[in-house]
PDB file of N, CA and C in Angstrom:
ATOM      1  N   UNK A   1      -4.207 -10.412  16.283  1.00  0.00           N
ATOM      2  CA  UNK A   1      -4.393  -9.845  14.930  1.00  0.00           C
ATOM      3  C   UNK A   1      -4.602 -11.060  13.915  1.00  0.00           C
ATOM      4  N   UNK A   2      -5.586 -10.562  13.114  1.00  0.00           N
ATOM      5  CA  UNK A   2      -6.106 -11.652  12.857  1.00  0.00           C
ATOM      6  C   UNK A   2      -4.338 -12.268  11.768  1.00  0.00           C
ATOM      7  N   UNK A   3      -5.597 -13.257  11.488  1.00  0.00           N
ATOM      8  CA  UNK A   3      -4.070 -14.224  11.027  1.00  0.00           C
ATOM      9  C   UNK A   3      -4.368 -14.001   9.899  1.00  0.00           C
ATOM     10  N   UNK A   4      -5.503 -14.180   8.756  1.00  0.00           N
ATOM     11  CA  UNK A   4      -4.959 -13.634   7.633  1.00  0.00           C
ATOM     12  C   UNK A   4      -3.951 -12.520   7.086  1.00  0.00           C
ATOM     13  N   UNK A   5      -4.512 -11.438   7.884  1.00  0.00           N
ATOM     14  CA  UNK A   5      -3.392 -10.164   7.669  1.00  0.00           C
ATOM     15  C   UNK A   5      -2.523 -10.299   8.026  1.00  0.00           C
ATOM     16  N   UNK A   6      -1.721 -10.813   8.645  1.00  0.00           N
ATOM     17  CA  UNK A   6      -0.280 -11.106   9.311  1.00  0.00           C
ATOM     18  C   UNK A   6       0.822 -11.927   7.849  1.00  0.00           C
ATOM     19  N   UNK A   7      -0.092 -13.122   7.494  1.00  0.00           N
ATOM     20  CA  UNK A   7       0.164 -13.319   6.445  1.00  0.00           C
ATOM     21  C   UNK A   7      -0.741 -12.921   4.750  1.00  0.00           C
ATOM     22  N   UNK A   8      -0.933 -11.943   4.688  1.00  0.00           N
ATOM     23  CA  UNK A   8      -0.598 -11.251   3.448  1.00  0.00           C
ATOM     24  C   UNK A   8       0.676 -10.042   3.367  1.00  0.00           C
ATOM     25  N   UNK A   9       0.481  -9.550   5.255  1.00  0.00           N
ATOM     26  CA  UNK A   9       1.976  -8.394   6.012  1.00  0.00           C
ATOM     27  C   UNK A   9       2.972  -9.374   5.253  1.00  0.00           C
ATOM     28  N   UNK A  10       3.566 -10.238   5.849  1.00  0.00           N
ATOM     29  CA  UNK A  10       4.600 -11.394   5.457  1.00  0.00           C
ATOM     30  C   UNK A  10       4.671 -11.114   4.213  1.00  0.00           C
ATOM     31  N   UNK A  11       3.908 -11.589   3.226  1.00  0.00           N
ATOM     32  CA  UNK A  11       3.661 -11.672   2.029  1.00  0.00           C
ATOM     33  C   UNK A  11       4.120 -10.606   1.027  1.00  0.00           C
ATOM     34  N   UNK A  12       3.996  -9.092   1.256  1.00  0.00           N
ATOM     35  CA  UNK A  12       3.969  -8.218   1.659  1.00  0.00           C
ATOM     36  C   UNK A  12       6.102  -7.245   1.409  1.00  0.00           C
ATOM     37  N   UNK A  13       5.373  -8.093   2.642  1.00  0.00           N
ATOM     38  CA  UNK A  13       7.225  -7.459   3.501  1.00  0.00           C
ATOM     39  C   UNK A  13       8.628  -8.139   2.562  1.00  0.00           C
ATOM     40  N   UNK A  14       7.788  -9.740   1.880  1.00  0.00           N
ATOM     41  CA  UNK A  14       8.648 -10.527   1.368  1.00  0.00           C
ATOM     42  C   UNK A  14       8.833 -10.149   0.336  1.00  0.00           C
ATOM     43  N   UNK A  15       8.236 -10.068  -0.696  1.00  0.00           N
ATOM     44  CA  UNK A  15       7.752  -8.595  -2.788  1.00  0.00           C
ATOM     45  C   UNK A  15       9.136  -7.985  -1.637  1.00  0.00           C
ATOM     46  N   UNK A  16       8.737  -6.747  -0.697  1.00  0.00           N
ATOM     47  CA  UNK A  16       9.446  -5.367  -0.783  1.00  0.00           C
ATOM     48  C   UNK A  16      11.379  -5.315  -0.052  1.00  0.00           C
ATOM     49  N   UNK A  17      11.595  -7.302   0.190  1.00  0.00           N
ATOM     50  CA  UNK A  17      12.394  -7.100   0.207  1.00  0.00           C
ATOM     51  C   UNK A  17      13.629  -7.616  -0.869  1.00  0.00           C
ATOM     52  N   UNK A  18      12.659  -8.442  -1.865  1.00  0.00           N
ATOM     53  CA  UNK A  18      12.809  -9.205  -2.922  1.00  0.00           C
ATOM     54  C   UNK A  18      13.096  -8.100  -4.322  1.00  0.00           C
ATOM     55  N   UNK A  19      12.536  -6.907  -3.936  1.00  0.00           N
ATOM     56  CA  UNK A  19      12.435  -5.733  -4.573  1.00  0.00           C
ATOM     57  C   UNK A  19      14.015  -5.035  -4.205  1.00  0.00           C
ATOM     58  N   UNK A  20      13.849  -5.133  -2.869  1.00  0.00           N
ATOM     59  CA  UNK A  20      15.592  -4.031  -2.909  1.00  0.00           C
ATOM     60  C   UNK A  20      16.839  -5.225  -2.564  1.00  0.00           C
ATOM     61  N   UNK A  21      16.240  -6.627  -2.710  1.00  0.00           N
ATOM     62  CA  UNK A  21      17.765  -6.593  -2.758  1.00  0.00           C
ATOM     63  C   UNK A  21      17.862  -6.691  -4.962  1.00  0.00           C
ATOM     64  N   UNK A  22      17.253  -6.672  -5.063  1.00  0.00           N
ATOM     65  CA  UNK A  22      17.619  -6.911  -6.440  1.00  0.00           C
ATOM     66  C   UNK A  22      18.091  -5.525  -7.068  1.00  0.00           C
ATOM     67  N   UNK A  23      17.389  -3.969  -6.079  1.00  0.00           N
ATOM     68  CA  UNK A  23      18.456  -3.420  -6.797  1.00  0.00           C
ATOM     69  C   UNK A  23      19.684  -3.464  -5.960  1.00  0.00           C
ATOM     70  N   UNK A  24      20.418  -4.049  -4.963  1.00  0.00           N
ATOM     71  CA  UNK A  24      21.487  -4.584  -5.011  1.00  0.00           C
ATOM     72  C   UNK A  24      22.202  -4.597  -5.973  1.00  0.00           C
ATOM     73  N   UNK A  25      21.759  -5.959  -5.846  1.00  0.00           N
ATOM     74  CA  UNK A  25      22.336  -6.537  -7.085  1.00  0.00           C
ATOM     75  C   UNK A  25      22.575  -5.528  -8.243  1.00  0.00           C
ATOM     76  N   UNK A  26      20.969  -5.112  -9.187  1.00  0.00           N
ATOM     77  CA  UNK A  26      21.831  -3.893  -9.934  1.00  0.00           C
ATOM     78  C   UNK A  26      22.382  -3.274  -9.745  1.00  0.00           C
ATOM     79  N   UNK A  27      23.024  -2.699  -9.076  1.00  0.00           N
ATOM     80  CA  UNK A  27      24.485  -1.854  -8.213  1.00  0.00           C
ATOM     81  C   UNK A  27      25.484  -2.690  -8.402  1.00  0.00           C
ATOM     82  N   UNK A  28      25.335  -3.522  -7.675  1.00  0.00           N
ATOM     83  CA  UNK A  28      26.336  -4.430  -8.148  1.00  0.00           C
ATOM     84  C   UNK A  28      26.868  -4.611  -9.145  1.00  0.00           C
ATOM     85  N   UNK A  29      26.040  -5.160  -9.879  1.00  0.00           N
ATOM     86  CA  UNK A  29      26.954  -5.994 -11.584  1.00  0.00           C
ATOM     87  C   UNK A  29      26.558  -4.931 -12.334  1.00  0.00           C
ATOM     88  N   UNK A  30      26.727  -3.045 -12.128  1.00  0.00           N
ATOM     89  CA  UNK A  30      26.796  -1.932 -13.386  1.00  0.00           C
ATOM     90  C   UNK A  30      26.637  -2.736 -14.259  1.00  0.00           C
ATOM     91  N   UNK A  31      26.289  -2.976 -14.818  1.00  0.00           N
ATOM     92  CA  UNK A  31      25.880  -3.176 -16.225  1.00  0.00           C
ATOM     93  C   UNK A  31      24.742  -3.230 -17.085  1.00  0.00           C
ATOM     94  N   UNK A  32      23.954  -2.590 -17.739  1.00  0.00           N
ATOM     95  CA  UNK A  32      22.448  -2.715 -18.131  1.00  0.00           C
ATOM     96  C   UNK A  32      22.192  -3.272 -18.712  1.00  0.00           C
ATOM     97  N   UNK A  33      22.562  -4.519 -19.473  1.00  0.00           N
ATOM     98  CA  UNK A  33      21.957  -5.833 -19.813  1.00  0.00           C
ATOM     99  C   UNK A  33      21.468  -6.410 -18.024  1.00  0.00           C
ATOM    100  N   UNK A  34      22.442  -6.287 -17.414  1.00  0.00           N
ATOM    101  CA  UNK A  34      22.404  -7.639 -16.457  1.00  0.00           C
ATOM    102  C   UNK A  34      21.242  -6.979 -15.761  1.00  0.00           C
ATOM    103  N   UNK A  35      21.178  -5.658 -15.869  1.00  0.00           N
ATOM    104  CA  UNK A  35      20.698  -5.033 -14.583  1.00  0.00           C
ATOM    105  C   UNK A  35      19.181  -5.061 -15.203  1.00  0.00           C
ATOM    106  N   UNK A  36      18.802  -5.056 -16.761  1.00  0.00           N
ATOM    107  CA  UNK A  36      17.816  -5.209 -16.983  1.00  0.00           C
ATOM    108  C   UNK A  36      17.248  -7.134 -17.190  1.00  0.00           C
ATOM    109  N   UNK A  37      17.958  -8.140 -17.311  1.00  0.00           N
ATOM    110  CA  UNK A  37      17.846  -9.309 -17.104  1.00  0.00           C
ATOM    111  C   UNK A  37      16.803  -9.088 -14.998  1.00  0.00           C
ATOM    112  N   UNK A  38      17.138  -8.263 -14.587  1.00  0.00           N
ATOM    113  CA  UNK A  38      17.298  -9.119 -13.273  1.00  0.00           C
ATOM    114  C   UNK A  38      16.186  -8.183 -12.548  1.00  0.00           C
ATOM    115  N   UNK A  39      15.301  -7.264 -13.692  1.00  0.00           N
ATOM    116  CA  UNK A  39      14.454  -6.486 -13.544  1.00  0.00           C
ATOM    117  C   UNK A  39      13.624  -7.160 -14.263  1.00  0.00           C
ATOM    118  N   UNK A  40      13.503  -8.235 -15.500  1.00  0.00           N
ATOM    119  CA  UNK A  40      12.911  -8.876 -15.896  1.00  0.00           C
ATOM    120  C   UNK A  40      12.485  -9.879 -15.315  1.00  0.00           C
ATOM    121  N   UNK A  41      13.410 -10.171 -14.103  1.00  0.00           N
ATOM    122  CA  UNK A  41      12.727 -11.720 -13.427  1.00  0.00           C
ATOM    123  C   UNK A  41      11.909 -10.731 -12.298  1.00  0.00           C
ATOM    124  N   UNK A  42      11.354  -9.515 -12.105  1.00  0.00           N
ATOM    125  CA  UNK A  42      11.208  -8.400 -10.920  1.00  0.00           C
ATOM    126  C   UNK A  42       9.451  -8.820 -11.531  1.00  0.00           C
ATOM    127  N   UNK A  43       9.540  -9.138 -12.720  1.00  0.00           N
ATOM    128  CA  UNK A  43       8.454  -8.614 -13.843  1.00  0.00           C
ATOM    129  C   UNK A  43       6.704 -10.121 -12.713  1.00  0.00           C
ATOM    130  N   UNK A  44       7.775 -11.092 -12.153  1.00  0.00           N
ATOM    131  CA  UNK A  44       6.898 -12.285 -11.935  1.00  0.00           C
ATOM    132  C   UNK A  44       6.920 -12.530 -10.957  1.00  0.00           C
ATOM    133  N   UNK A  45       7.377 -11.445  -9.893  1.00  0.00           N
ATOM    134  CA  UNK A  45       7.293 -11.115  -8.975  1.00  0.00           C
ATOM    135  C   UNK A  45       6.096 -10.485  -8.446  1.00  0.00           C
ATOM    136  N   UNK A  46       5.679  -9.236  -9.016  1.00  0.00           N
ATOM    137  CA  UNK A  46       5.152  -8.555  -8.074  1.00  0.00           C
ATOM    138  C   UNK A  46       3.522  -8.953  -8.835  1.00  0.00           C
ATOM    139  N   UNK A  47       3.167 -10.502  -9.323  1.00  0.00           N
ATOM    140  CA  UNK A  47       1.806 -10.419  -9.643  1.00  0.00           C
ATOM    141  C   UNK A  47       1.844 -11.590  -9.319  1.00  0.00           C
ATOM    142  N   UNK A  48       2.161 -11.697  -8.355  1.00  0.00           N
ATOM    143  CA  UNK A  48       2.715 -13.230  -8.476  1.00  0.00           C
ATOM    144  C   UNK A  48       1.843 -13.148  -6.154  1.00  0.00           C
ATOM    145  N   UNK A  49       2.511 -12.135  -5.978  1.00  0.00           N
ATOM    146  CA  UNK A  49       2.322 -11.566  -4.438  1.00  0.00           C
ATOM    147  C   UNK A  49       0.784 -11.461  -4.983  1.00  0.00           C
ATOM    148  N   UNK A  50       0.571 -10.676  -6.156  1.00  0.00           N
ATOM    149  CA  UNK A  50      -0.933  -9.085  -5.359  1.00  0.00           C
ATOM    150  C   UNK A  50      -1.866 -11.041  -5.929  1.00  0.00           C
ATOM    151  N   UNK A  51      -1.635 -12.082  -6.479  1.00  0.00           N
ATOM    152  CA  UNK A  51      -2.854 -12.637  -6.817  1.00  0.00           C
ATOM    153  C   UNK A  51      -2.658 -13.615  -5.199  1.00  0.00           C
ATOM    154  N   UNK A  52      -1.319 -14.258  -4.612  1.00  0.00           N
ATOM    155  CA  UNK A  52      -1.181 -14.875  -3.360  1.00  0.00           C
ATOM    156  C   UNK A  52      -1.887 -13.670  -2.586  1.00  0.00           C
ATOM    157  N   UNK A  53      -1.937 -12.331  -1.983  1.00  0.00           N
ATOM    158  CA  UNK A  53      -1.958 -11.880  -1.209  1.00  0.00           C
ATOM    159  C   UNK A  53      -3.549 -11.732  -1.196  1.00  0.00           C
ATOM    160  N   UNK A  54      -3.948 -11.607  -2.229  1.00  0.00           N
ATOM    161  CA  UNK A  54      -5.810 -11.807  -2.990  1.00  0.00           C
ATOM    162  C   UNK A  54      -6.144 -12.488  -2.551  1.00  0.00           C
ATOM    163  N   UNK A  55      -6.110 -13.590  -2.573  1.00  0.00           N
ATOM    164  CA  UNK A  55      -6.639 -14.792  -2.200  1.00  0.00           C
ATOM    165  C   UNK A  55      -6.659 -14.953  -0.647  1.00  0.00           C
ATOM    166  N   UNK A  56      -5.151 -14.958  -0.168  1.00  0.00           N
ATOM    167  CA  UNK A  56      -5.417 -14.919   1.284  1.00  0.00           C
ATOM    168  C   UNK A  56      -6.735 -14.252   1.920  1.00  0.00           C
ATOM    169  N   UNK A  57      -6.472 -12.946   1.349  1.00  0.00           N
ATOM    170  CA  UNK A  57      -7.450 -11.715   2.059  1.00  0.00           C
ATOM    171  C   UNK A  57      -8.980 -12.482   2.449  1.00  0.00           C
ATOM    172  N   UNK A  58      -8.864 -12.892   0.291  1.00  0.00           N
ATOM    173  CA  UNK A  58     -10.899 -13.742  -0.010  1.00  0.00           C
ATOM    174  C   UNK A  58     -10.870 -14.997   1.212  1.00  0.00           C
ATOM    175  N   UNK A  59      -9.421 -15.452   1.292  1.00  0.00           N
ATOM    176  CA  UNK A  59     -10.344 -16.419   2.174  1.00  0.00           C
ATOM    177  C   UNK A  59     -10.357 -15.937   3.818  1.00  0.00           C
ATOM    178  N   UNK A  60      -9.239 -15.344   4.354  1.00  0.00           N
ATOM    179  CA  UNK A  60     -10.244 -14.609   5.458  1.00  0.00           C
ATOM    180  C   UNK A  60     -11.802 -13.597   5.223  1.00  0.00           C
ATOM    181  N   UNK A  61     -12.394 -12.657   3.801  1.00  0.00           N
ATOM    182  CA  UNK A  61     -12.842 -12.367   4.163  1.00  0.00           C
ATOM    183  C   UNK A  61     -14.249 -13.532   3.632  1.00  0.00           C
ATOM    184  N   UNK A  62     -13.897 -14.911   2.838  1.00  0.00           N
ATOM    185  CA  UNK A  62     -14.939 -15.252   1.939  1.00  0.00           C
ATOM    186  C   UNK A  62     -16.371 -15.772   3.080  1.00  0.00           C
ATOM    187  N   UNK A  63     -17.252 -15.803   4.264  1.00  0.00           N
ATOM    188  CA  UNK A  63     -18.323 -15.933   4.706  1.00  0.00           C
ATOM    189  C   UNK A  63     -19.013 -14.626   4.537  1.00  0.00           C
ATOM    190  N   UNK A  64     -17.946 -13.726   4.453  1.00  0.00           N
ATOM    191  CA  UNK A  64     -18.536 -12.217   4.563  1.00  0.00           C
ATOM    192  C   UNK A  64     -19.200 -12.574   2.980  1.00  0.00           C
ATOM    193  N   UNK A  65     -19.030 -12.466   2.306  1.00  0.00           N
ATOM    194  CA  UNK A  65     -19.060 -12.299   0.538  1.00  0.00           C
ATOM    195  C   UNK A  65     -20.460 -13.692   0.106  1.00  0.00           C
ATOM    196  N   UNK A  66     -20.374 -13.083  -0.987  1.00  0.00           N
ATOM    197  CA  UNK A  66     -22.184 -14.137  -1.726  1.00  0.00           C
ATOM    198  C   UNK A  66     -20.424 -13.789  -2.723  1.00  0.00           C
ATOM    199  N   UNK A  67     -21.045 -15.079  -3.376  1.00  0.00           N
ATOM    200  CA  UNK A  67     -20.641 -15.238  -4.834  1.00  0.00           C
ATOM    201  C   UNK A  67     -20.315 -14.743  -5.252  1.00  0.00           C
ATOM    202  N   UNK A  68     -21.924 -14.038  -5.565  1.00  0.00           N
ATOM    203  CA  UNK A  68     -21.152 -12.662  -6.855  1.00  0.00           C
ATOM    204  C   UNK A  68     -20.719 -11.429  -6.680  1.00  0.00           C
ATOM    205  N   UNK A  69     -20.190 -10.541  -5.238  1.00  0.00           N
ATOM    206  CA  UNK A  69     -18.676 -10.248  -4.951  1.00  0.00           C
ATOM    207  C   UNK A  69     -17.756 -10.605  -4.981  1.00  0.00           C
ATOM    208  N   UNK A  70     -17.646 -12.692  -4.749  1.00  0.00           N
ATOM    209  CA  UNK A  70     -16.317 -12.678  -5.543  1.00  0.00           C
ATOM    210  C   UNK A  70     -16.354 -12.729  -7.106  1.00  0.00           C
ATOM    211  N   UNK A  71     -17.189 -13.507  -8.147  1.00  0.00           N
ATOM    212  CA  UNK A  71     -16.873 -13.065  -8.940  1.00  0.00           C
ATOM    213  C   UNK A  71     -16.296 -11.176  -9.218  1.00  0.00           C
ATOM    214  N   UNK A  72     -17.027 -10.509  -8.373  1.00  0.00           N
ATOM    215  CA  UNK A  72     -15.971  -9.365  -9.309  1.00  0.00           C
ATOM    216  C   UNK A  72     -15.043  -9.463  -8.902  1.00  0.00           C
ATOM    217  N   UNK A  73     -14.554 -10.010  -7.560  1.00  0.00           N
ATOM    218  CA  UNK A  73     -13.860  -9.566  -7.457  1.00  0.00           C
ATOM    219  C   UNK A  73     -12.639  -9.945  -7.878  1.00  0.00           C
ATOM    220  N   UNK A  74     -12.966 -11.518  -8.692  1.00  0.00           N
ATOM    221  CA  UNK A  74     -11.902 -12.116  -9.464  1.00  0.00           C
ATOM    222  C   UNK A  74     -12.214 -11.735 -10.909  1.00  0.00           C
ATOM    223  N   UNK A  75     -12.994 -11.248 -11.726  1.00  0.00           N
ATOM    224  CA  UNK A  75     -13.431 -10.097 -12.929  1.00  0.00           C
ATOM    225  C   UNK A  75     -12.262  -8.867 -12.666  1.00  0.00           C
ATOM    226  N   UNK A  76     -11.997  -8.613 -11.258  1.00  0.00           N
ATOM    227  CA  UNK A  76     -11.243  -7.434 -11.466  1.00  0.00           C
ATOM    228  C   UNK A  76      -8.894  -7.630 -11.843  1.00  0.00           C
ATOM    229  N   UNK A  77      -9.023  -8.657 -10.040  1.00  0.00           N
ATOM    230  CA  UNK A  77      -8.183  -9.092 -10.490  1.00  0.00           C
ATOM    231  C   UNK A  77      -7.398  -9.809 -11.709  1.00  0.00           C
ATOM    232  N   UNK A  78      -8.568  -9.743 -13.300  1.00  0.00           N
ATOM    233  CA  UNK A  78      -8.246 -11.398 -13.945  1.00  0.00           C
ATOM    234  C   UNK A  78      -7.311  -9.368 -14.738  1.00  0.00           C
ATOM    235  N   UNK A  79      -8.392  -8.753 -14.812  1.00  0.00           N
ATOM    236  CA  UNK A  79      -8.285  -8.086 -15.578  1.00  0.00           C
ATOM    237  C   UNK A  79      -6.909  -7.001 -15.396  1.00  0.00           C
ATOM    238  N   UNK A  80      -6.723  -6.627 -13.727  1.00  0.00           N
ATOM    239  CA  UNK A  80      -5.848  -5.716 -13.286  1.00  0.00           C
ATOM    240  C   UNK A  80      -4.143  -7.070 -14.014  1.00  0.00           C
ATOM    241  N   UNK A  81      -4.712  -8.000 -13.788  1.00  0.00           N
ATOM    242  CA  UNK A  81      -3.252  -9.325 -14.293  1.00  0.00           C
ATOM    243  C   UNK A  81      -3.085  -9.305 -16.245  1.00  0.00           C
ATOM    244  N   UNK A  82      -4.220  -8.755 -16.665  1.00  0.00           N
ATOM    245  CA  UNK A  82      -3.928  -8.416 -17.842  1.00  0.00           C
ATOM    246  C   UNK A  82      -2.823  -7.885 -18.469  1.00  0.00           C
ATOM    247  N   UNK A  83      -3.930  -6.321 -17.759  1.00  0.00           N
ATOM    248  CA  UNK A  83      -2.905  -5.300 -18.637  1.00  0.00           C
ATOM    249  C   UNK A  83      -1.553  -5.255 -17.885  1.00  0.00           C
ATOM    250  N   UNK A  84      -1.568  -5.592 -16.454  1.00  0.00           N
ATOM    251  CA  UNK A  84      -0.053  -6.129 -16.370  1.00  0.00           C
ATOM    252  C   UNK A  84       0.574  -7.061 -16.841  1.00  0.00           C
ATOM    253  N   UNK A  85       0.650  -7.735 -17.687  1.00  0.00           N
ATOM    254  CA  UNK A  85       1.393  -8.884 -18.462  1.00  0.00           C
ATOM    255  C   UNK A  85       1.341  -8.491 -19.573  1.00  0.00           C
ATOM    256  N   UNK A  86       0.163  -8.054 -21.087  1.00  0.00           N
ATOM    257  CA  UNK A  86       0.195  -8.247 -22.070  1.00  0.00           C
ATOM    258  C   UNK A  86       0.758  -7.149 -22.020  1.00  0.00           C
ATOM    259  N   UNK A  87       1.845  -7.604 -23.275  1.00  0.00           N
ATOM    260  CA  UNK A  87       2.899  -6.617 -23.816  1.00  0.00           C
ATOM    261  C   UNK A  87       2.526  -5.738 -25.056  1.00  0.00           C
TER     262      UNK A  87
END
């Protein structure tokens, strides 16, 4: 198995574990305001994992991609982040 795929999968597994842990914490807190605070912290996890896994994947594919294609990918990721983070 490719080492880049392994690292990407590990990041996704960790991200999913953080999401499940947050859900369990929300259930344990049993208060809307505290659950909302926990949910808000998850807004940092998603984009961070997205950027990290994309960077790892691009690192693994860098020798196959032209600079033009890398620029288009960076533009797409930027658009995703703007859409996710802009309120």
